[in-house]
N, C-alpha and C. Protein backbone atom coordinates (compact mmCIF):
# COMPACT_ATOMS: atom_id res chain seq x y z
N UNK A 1 119.77 87.23 123.09
CA UNK A 1 120.74 88.31 123.18
C UNK A 1 120.44 89.31 122.06
N UNK A 2 120.29 90.54 122.43
CA UNK A 2 119.86 91.57 121.48
C UNK A 2 121.00 92.14 120.65
N UNK A 3 122.23 91.81 120.95
CA UNK A 3 123.37 92.38 120.22
C UNK A 3 123.78 91.54 119.03
N UNK A 4 122.98 90.63 118.60
CA UNK A 4 123.34 89.74 117.49
C UNK A 4 123.26 90.46 116.14
N UNK A 5 123.92 89.89 115.14
CA UNK A 5 123.94 90.49 113.80
C UNK A 5 122.53 90.63 113.20
N UNK A 6 121.73 89.61 113.42
CA UNK A 6 120.39 89.64 112.84
C UNK A 6 119.54 90.77 113.42
N UNK A 7 119.81 91.15 114.63
CA UNK A 7 119.07 92.27 115.23
C UNK A 7 119.40 93.55 114.50
N UNK A 8 120.66 93.72 114.13
CA UNK A 8 121.05 94.93 113.37
C UNK A 8 120.37 94.92 112.00
N UNK A 9 120.34 93.76 111.36
CA UNK A 9 119.70 93.66 110.04
C UNK A 9 118.20 93.92 110.14
N UNK A 10 117.56 93.40 111.18
CA UNK A 10 116.13 93.64 111.36
C UNK A 10 115.85 95.12 111.63
N UNK A 11 116.71 95.75 112.42
CA UNK A 11 116.53 97.17 112.73
C UNK A 11 116.73 98.03 111.47
N UNK A 12 117.74 97.71 110.66
CA UNK A 12 117.98 98.45 109.43
C UNK A 12 116.83 98.24 108.44
N UNK A 13 116.27 97.03 108.40
CA UNK A 13 115.11 96.78 107.54
C UNK A 13 113.90 97.62 108.00
N UNK A 14 113.72 97.70 109.30
CA UNK A 14 112.64 98.53 109.85
C UNK A 14 112.82 100.01 109.47
N UNK A 15 114.05 100.49 109.58
CA UNK A 15 114.32 101.90 109.22
C UNK A 15 114.10 102.15 107.73
N UNK A 16 114.47 101.24 106.87
CA UNK A 16 114.26 101.46 105.44
C UNK A 16 112.77 101.43 105.09
N UNK A 17 112.01 100.60 105.77
CA UNK A 17 110.56 100.57 105.51
C UNK A 17 109.92 101.86 105.99
N UNK A 18 110.31 102.34 107.15
CA UNK A 18 109.76 103.62 107.65
C UNK A 18 110.15 104.77 106.74
N UNK A 19 111.37 104.75 106.23
CA UNK A 19 111.82 105.78 105.28
C UNK A 19 110.98 105.73 103.99
N UNK A 20 110.72 104.51 103.51
CA UNK A 20 109.90 104.38 102.30
C UNK A 20 108.48 104.88 102.52
N UNK A 21 107.97 104.69 103.73
CA UNK A 21 106.62 105.17 104.01
C UNK A 21 106.50 106.69 103.92
N UNK A 22 107.60 107.39 104.17
CA UNK A 22 107.52 108.86 104.23
C UNK A 22 108.00 109.56 102.96
N UNK A 23 108.57 108.82 102.01
CA UNK A 23 109.08 109.48 100.79
C UNK A 23 108.20 109.15 99.57
N UNK A 24 108.23 109.98 98.54
CA UNK A 24 107.47 109.68 97.32
C UNK A 24 108.05 108.47 96.61
N UNK A 25 107.19 107.61 96.10
CA UNK A 25 107.65 106.39 95.43
C UNK A 25 107.42 106.43 93.93
N UNK A 26 106.80 107.48 93.43
CA UNK A 26 106.58 107.57 91.99
C UNK A 26 106.11 108.96 91.59
N UNK A 27 106.31 109.26 90.33
CA UNK A 27 105.86 110.54 89.78
C UNK A 27 105.00 110.27 88.56
N UNK A 28 103.98 111.06 88.39
CA UNK A 28 103.06 110.93 87.26
C UNK A 28 103.06 112.23 86.46
N UNK A 29 103.63 112.16 85.27
CA UNK A 29 103.63 113.32 84.37
C UNK A 29 102.57 113.10 83.32
N UNK A 30 101.65 114.07 83.16
CA UNK A 30 100.59 113.88 82.15
C UNK A 30 101.16 113.89 80.73
N UNK A 31 100.56 113.10 79.88
CA UNK A 31 101.01 113.04 78.48
C UNK A 31 100.62 114.30 77.73
N UNK A 32 99.57 114.95 78.13
CA UNK A 32 99.12 116.20 77.52
C UNK A 32 99.31 117.37 78.46
N UNK A 33 98.31 118.17 78.58
CA UNK A 33 98.37 119.33 79.47
C UNK A 33 98.04 118.88 80.91
N UNK A 34 98.62 119.58 81.87
CA UNK A 34 98.32 119.24 83.25
C UNK A 34 99.56 119.37 84.11
N UNK A 35 99.38 119.12 85.39
CA UNK A 35 100.50 119.23 86.33
C UNK A 35 100.93 117.82 86.77
N UNK A 36 102.14 117.75 87.20
CA UNK A 36 102.71 116.47 87.66
C UNK A 36 102.09 116.09 89.01
N UNK A 37 101.87 114.80 89.16
CA UNK A 37 101.36 114.28 90.45
C UNK A 37 102.46 113.45 91.09
N UNK A 38 102.41 113.39 92.42
CA UNK A 38 103.40 112.66 93.18
C UNK A 38 102.71 111.45 93.85
N UNK A 39 103.25 110.25 93.66
CA UNK A 39 102.69 109.05 94.25
C UNK A 39 103.44 108.77 95.58
N UNK A 40 102.67 108.81 96.64
CA UNK A 40 103.19 108.42 97.97
C UNK A 40 102.58 107.04 98.27
N UNK A 41 102.96 106.47 99.40
CA UNK A 41 102.40 105.18 99.77
C UNK A 41 100.95 105.27 100.19
N UNK A 42 100.51 106.42 100.67
CA UNK A 42 99.16 106.57 101.14
C UNK A 42 98.25 107.33 100.17
N UNK A 43 98.82 108.22 99.38
CA UNK A 43 97.99 109.06 98.50
C UNK A 43 98.75 109.47 97.25
N UNK A 44 97.98 110.04 96.33
CA UNK A 44 98.53 110.70 95.15
C UNK A 44 98.20 112.18 95.33
N UNK A 45 99.23 113.00 95.32
CA UNK A 45 98.99 114.44 95.48
C UNK A 45 99.32 115.17 94.20
N UNK A 46 98.54 116.19 93.89
CA UNK A 46 98.82 117.02 92.73
C UNK A 46 99.40 118.34 93.17
N UNK A 47 99.65 119.24 92.21
CA UNK A 47 100.28 120.53 92.51
C UNK A 47 99.41 121.43 93.37
N UNK A 48 98.09 121.22 93.32
CA UNK A 48 97.17 122.05 94.12
C UNK A 48 97.05 121.57 95.56
N UNK A 49 97.66 120.44 95.88
CA UNK A 49 97.55 119.91 97.25
C UNK A 49 96.43 118.93 97.45
N UNK A 50 95.68 118.64 96.39
CA UNK A 50 94.60 117.67 96.50
C UNK A 50 95.18 116.27 96.64
N UNK A 51 94.57 115.46 97.47
CA UNK A 51 95.05 114.14 97.72
C UNK A 51 93.98 113.09 97.33
N UNK A 52 94.44 112.06 96.63
CA UNK A 52 93.58 110.96 96.21
C UNK A 52 94.10 109.71 96.95
N UNK A 53 93.27 109.12 97.81
CA UNK A 53 93.69 108.03 98.66
C UNK A 53 93.40 106.65 98.05
N UNK A 54 93.44 106.51 96.75
CA UNK A 54 93.15 105.25 96.11
C UNK A 54 94.29 104.23 96.27
N UNK A 55 95.47 104.68 96.62
CA UNK A 55 96.62 103.77 96.71
C UNK A 55 96.94 103.45 98.20
N UNK A 56 95.97 103.47 99.05
CA UNK A 56 96.19 103.23 100.47
C UNK A 56 96.71 101.84 100.76
N UNK A 57 96.50 100.89 99.86
CA UNK A 57 96.95 99.51 100.09
C UNK A 57 98.45 99.41 100.20
N UNK A 58 99.16 100.26 99.43
CA UNK A 58 100.62 100.27 99.53
C UNK A 58 101.06 100.64 100.96
N UNK A 59 100.41 101.64 101.52
CA UNK A 59 100.73 102.09 102.87
C UNK A 59 100.40 101.00 103.89
N UNK A 60 99.26 100.36 103.69
CA UNK A 60 98.80 99.34 104.66
C UNK A 60 99.75 98.14 104.70
N UNK A 61 100.23 97.75 103.56
CA UNK A 61 101.16 96.58 103.50
C UNK A 61 102.45 96.90 104.25
N UNK A 62 103.03 98.04 103.97
CA UNK A 62 104.29 98.39 104.66
C UNK A 62 104.03 98.69 106.13
N UNK A 63 102.89 99.23 106.46
CA UNK A 63 102.58 99.55 107.84
C UNK A 63 102.44 98.26 108.68
N UNK A 64 101.93 97.19 108.09
CA UNK A 64 101.83 95.92 108.77
C UNK A 64 103.18 95.31 109.03
N UNK A 65 104.13 95.52 108.11
CA UNK A 65 105.45 94.90 108.27
C UNK A 65 106.26 95.58 109.40
N UNK A 66 105.95 96.83 109.71
CA UNK A 66 106.73 97.54 110.76
C UNK A 66 106.59 96.88 112.14
N UNK A 67 105.38 96.65 112.67
CA UNK A 67 105.29 96.00 113.98
C UNK A 67 105.79 94.55 113.93
N UNK A 68 105.63 93.89 112.81
CA UNK A 68 106.14 92.51 112.70
C UNK A 68 107.68 92.52 112.85
N UNK A 69 108.35 93.46 112.18
CA UNK A 69 109.81 93.54 112.29
C UNK A 69 110.20 93.95 113.70
N UNK A 70 109.45 94.85 114.30
CA UNK A 70 109.78 95.30 115.66
C UNK A 70 109.60 94.13 116.64
N UNK A 71 108.56 93.36 116.46
CA UNK A 71 108.34 92.21 117.32
C UNK A 71 109.47 91.17 117.10
N UNK A 72 109.90 91.01 115.87
CA UNK A 72 110.97 90.05 115.56
C UNK A 72 112.29 90.47 116.20
N UNK A 73 112.52 91.77 116.33
CA UNK A 73 113.74 92.23 116.97
C UNK A 73 113.78 91.79 118.43
N UNK A 74 112.67 91.91 119.11
CA UNK A 74 112.64 91.60 120.53
C UNK A 74 112.22 90.16 120.84
N UNK A 75 112.03 89.37 119.81
CA UNK A 75 111.66 87.95 119.99
C UNK A 75 112.89 87.05 119.79
N UNK A 76 114.00 87.44 120.37
CA UNK A 76 115.26 86.70 120.16
C UNK A 76 115.32 85.41 120.96
N UNK A 77 114.40 85.20 121.93
CA UNK A 77 114.40 83.96 122.68
C UNK A 77 113.84 82.81 121.85
N UNK A 78 112.95 83.09 120.93
CA UNK A 78 112.31 82.07 120.10
C UNK A 78 112.79 82.27 118.67
N UNK A 79 113.88 81.60 118.34
CA UNK A 79 114.53 81.80 117.02
C UNK A 79 113.66 81.28 115.87
N UNK A 80 112.93 80.20 116.10
CA UNK A 80 112.09 79.66 115.03
C UNK A 80 110.99 80.65 114.66
N UNK A 81 110.35 81.23 115.66
CA UNK A 81 109.29 82.22 115.40
C UNK A 81 109.90 83.47 114.76
N UNK A 82 111.07 83.85 115.20
CA UNK A 82 111.75 85.03 114.65
C UNK A 82 112.04 84.79 113.16
N UNK A 83 112.46 83.60 112.78
CA UNK A 83 112.73 83.28 111.39
C UNK A 83 111.41 83.29 110.58
N UNK A 84 110.34 82.80 111.17
CA UNK A 84 109.05 82.82 110.47
C UNK A 84 108.54 84.26 110.26
N UNK A 85 108.77 85.09 111.28
CA UNK A 85 108.36 86.51 111.13
C UNK A 85 109.15 87.18 110.04
N UNK A 86 110.43 86.86 109.93
CA UNK A 86 111.23 87.42 108.84
C UNK A 86 110.70 86.97 107.49
N UNK A 87 110.36 85.68 107.38
CA UNK A 87 109.85 85.16 106.13
C UNK A 87 108.51 85.82 105.77
N UNK A 88 107.66 86.02 106.78
CA UNK A 88 106.38 86.68 106.55
C UNK A 88 106.56 88.13 106.09
N UNK A 89 107.52 88.83 106.71
CA UNK A 89 107.81 90.20 106.30
C UNK A 89 108.33 90.23 104.86
N UNK A 90 109.14 89.25 104.53
CA UNK A 90 109.64 89.18 103.15
C UNK A 90 108.49 88.99 102.16
N UNK A 91 107.56 88.12 102.51
CA UNK A 91 106.39 87.89 101.65
C UNK A 91 105.56 89.18 101.54
N UNK A 92 105.43 89.90 102.61
CA UNK A 92 104.65 91.16 102.58
C UNK A 92 105.36 92.16 101.66
N UNK A 93 106.63 92.23 101.67
CA UNK A 93 107.36 93.19 100.80
C UNK A 93 107.22 92.75 99.35
N UNK A 94 107.29 91.46 99.08
CA UNK A 94 107.06 91.00 97.71
C UNK A 94 105.65 91.35 97.28
N UNK A 95 104.70 91.18 98.18
CA UNK A 95 103.32 91.60 97.89
C UNK A 95 103.19 93.07 97.64
N UNK A 96 103.98 93.90 98.34
CA UNK A 96 103.98 95.34 98.13
C UNK A 96 104.44 95.65 96.70
N UNK A 97 105.47 94.94 96.23
CA UNK A 97 105.92 95.17 94.86
C UNK A 97 104.88 94.73 93.83
N UNK A 98 104.14 93.69 94.12
CA UNK A 98 103.08 93.25 93.20
C UNK A 98 101.99 94.33 93.13
N UNK A 99 101.57 94.84 94.31
CA UNK A 99 100.56 95.89 94.33
C UNK A 99 101.08 97.18 93.70
N UNK A 100 102.35 97.51 93.95
CA UNK A 100 102.98 98.69 93.36
C UNK A 100 102.99 98.57 91.82
N UNK A 101 103.30 97.40 91.29
CA UNK A 101 103.27 97.17 89.86
C UNK A 101 101.87 97.30 89.29
N UNK A 102 100.89 96.79 90.02
CA UNK A 102 99.49 96.89 89.56
C UNK A 102 99.04 98.35 89.52
N UNK A 103 99.36 99.11 90.59
CA UNK A 103 98.98 100.52 90.60
C UNK A 103 99.73 101.34 89.55
N UNK A 104 100.98 100.99 89.31
CA UNK A 104 101.71 101.73 88.26
C UNK A 104 101.12 101.49 86.90
N UNK A 105 100.64 100.27 86.64
CA UNK A 105 100.00 99.99 85.36
C UNK A 105 98.65 100.69 85.26
N UNK A 106 97.92 100.72 86.33
CA UNK A 106 96.61 101.39 86.34
C UNK A 106 96.78 102.92 86.18
N UNK A 107 97.77 103.48 86.87
CA UNK A 107 97.96 104.93 86.83
C UNK A 107 98.61 105.40 85.55
N UNK A 108 99.16 104.52 84.76
CA UNK A 108 99.84 104.93 83.51
C UNK A 108 98.81 105.39 82.45
N UNK A 109 97.55 105.19 82.68
CA UNK A 109 96.55 105.59 81.71
C UNK A 109 96.49 107.11 81.63
N UNK A 110 97.07 107.71 80.61
CA UNK A 110 97.08 109.16 80.43
C UNK A 110 98.27 109.84 81.09
N UNK A 111 99.13 109.06 81.72
CA UNK A 111 100.29 109.62 82.43
C UNK A 111 101.56 108.85 82.06
N UNK A 112 102.66 109.52 82.23
CA UNK A 112 103.97 108.87 82.13
C UNK A 112 104.45 108.61 83.54
N UNK A 113 104.66 107.35 83.89
CA UNK A 113 105.00 106.98 85.25
C UNK A 113 106.49 106.94 85.45
N UNK A 114 106.99 107.59 86.52
CA UNK A 114 108.43 107.59 86.83
C UNK A 114 108.63 106.97 88.23
N UNK A 115 109.51 106.00 88.32
CA UNK A 115 109.81 105.38 89.60
C UNK A 115 110.78 106.26 90.34
N UNK A 116 110.52 106.50 91.62
CA UNK A 116 111.41 107.30 92.47
C UNK A 116 112.30 106.40 93.30
N UNK A 117 113.31 107.03 93.92
CA UNK A 117 114.33 106.31 94.70
C UNK A 117 113.72 105.48 95.81
N UNK A 118 112.73 105.99 96.49
CA UNK A 118 112.16 105.31 97.66
C UNK A 118 111.48 104.01 97.30
N UNK A 119 111.13 103.81 96.03
CA UNK A 119 110.52 102.54 95.63
C UNK A 119 111.51 101.40 95.72
N UNK A 120 112.79 101.68 95.76
CA UNK A 120 113.79 100.64 95.89
C UNK A 120 114.14 100.28 97.33
N UNK A 121 113.66 101.08 98.25
CA UNK A 121 113.96 100.82 99.65
C UNK A 121 113.35 99.53 100.20
N UNK A 122 112.13 99.13 99.78
CA UNK A 122 111.65 97.83 100.24
C UNK A 122 112.53 96.67 99.70
N UNK A 123 113.16 96.84 98.57
CA UNK A 123 114.07 95.81 98.09
C UNK A 123 115.29 95.69 99.02
N UNK A 124 115.77 96.83 99.47
CA UNK A 124 116.88 96.83 100.45
C UNK A 124 116.43 96.15 101.73
N UNK A 125 115.20 96.46 102.17
CA UNK A 125 114.65 95.81 103.36
C UNK A 125 114.49 94.33 103.17
N UNK A 126 114.11 93.91 101.96
CA UNK A 126 113.96 92.50 101.66
C UNK A 126 115.32 91.78 101.77
N UNK A 127 116.34 92.38 101.26
CA UNK A 127 117.70 91.79 101.36
C UNK A 127 118.14 91.73 102.81
N UNK A 128 117.87 92.79 103.57
CA UNK A 128 118.26 92.79 104.99
C UNK A 128 117.48 91.74 105.77
N UNK A 129 116.21 91.55 105.46
CA UNK A 129 115.44 90.52 106.13
C UNK A 129 115.92 89.15 105.77
N UNK A 130 116.34 88.95 104.52
CA UNK A 130 116.89 87.66 104.12
C UNK A 130 118.19 87.39 104.88
N UNK A 131 119.04 88.40 105.04
CA UNK A 131 120.27 88.22 105.79
C UNK A 131 119.96 87.91 107.26
N UNK A 132 119.02 88.61 107.84
CA UNK A 132 118.65 88.36 109.21
C UNK A 132 118.14 86.94 109.39
N UNK A 133 117.29 86.48 108.50
CA UNK A 133 116.75 85.13 108.57
C UNK A 133 117.87 84.13 108.43
N UNK A 134 118.82 84.38 107.53
CA UNK A 134 119.95 83.48 107.38
C UNK A 134 120.76 83.34 108.67
N UNK A 135 121.03 84.44 109.34
CA UNK A 135 121.80 84.39 110.57
C UNK A 135 120.99 83.83 111.74
N UNK A 136 119.68 84.01 111.73
CA UNK A 136 118.84 83.41 112.75
C UNK A 136 118.87 81.89 112.62
N UNK A 137 118.73 81.41 111.40
CA UNK A 137 118.76 79.95 111.19
C UNK A 137 120.14 79.38 111.47
N UNK A 138 121.21 80.14 111.20
CA UNK A 138 122.55 79.70 111.54
C UNK A 138 122.73 79.60 113.06
N UNK A 139 122.20 80.56 113.80
CA UNK A 139 122.25 80.48 115.26
C UNK A 139 121.47 79.28 115.77
N UNK A 140 120.33 79.02 115.19
CA UNK A 140 119.52 77.87 115.60
C UNK A 140 120.25 76.57 115.33
N UNK A 141 120.91 76.47 114.19
CA UNK A 141 121.71 75.27 113.88
C UNK A 141 122.87 75.11 114.88
N UNK A 142 123.51 76.21 115.25
CA UNK A 142 124.61 76.16 116.19
C UNK A 142 124.11 75.71 117.59
N UNK A 143 122.97 76.19 118.00
CA UNK A 143 122.41 75.80 119.30
C UNK A 143 122.04 74.34 119.26
N UNK A 144 121.45 73.86 118.18
CA UNK A 144 121.07 72.44 118.08
C UNK A 144 122.31 71.55 118.09
N UNK A 145 123.37 71.99 117.41
CA UNK A 145 124.60 71.19 117.41
C UNK A 145 125.21 71.18 118.81
N UNK A 146 125.16 72.27 119.55
CA UNK A 146 125.68 72.28 120.91
C UNK A 146 124.83 71.42 121.85
N UNK A 147 123.56 71.37 121.64
CA UNK A 147 122.66 70.52 122.44
C UNK A 147 122.89 69.05 122.15
N UNK A 148 123.23 68.73 120.94
CA UNK A 148 123.46 67.36 120.55
C UNK A 148 124.73 66.81 121.19
N UNK A 149 125.72 67.64 121.39
CA UNK A 149 127.00 67.21 121.94
C UNK A 149 126.84 66.86 123.41
N UNK A 150 125.98 67.57 124.13
CA UNK A 150 125.81 67.32 125.57
C UNK A 150 125.30 65.98 125.84
């Protein structure tokens, strides 16, 4: 049944990930002379419009979680697989934060790094995925209890 609570949580997690993909996740202000750079999930852009695609891994990790979450939304017949997909998406988001931390440390050489609002959106998605997984497992326990009574 697609109207369950976990479906709403999965859909909201998908929306927050898509929003994070399109917004800047960091700012780089040079310690000396120069212009500020903007860190996106796919590139680093400067004031001249030049793009450096060294941070593509951030984009790839979040891009992989989108179809997984979309598949989990429509995989409501198999609750065990749906719970595993939620857990895998949660691991991918934790991996995104590890890669984000590594890139922020690498990019801080000669720059002052500022975290933007969109960098917190995967954390919101992580919480929503945890809630979805919790309700999926609760549904599975309820179905097992009903099967046991018969």
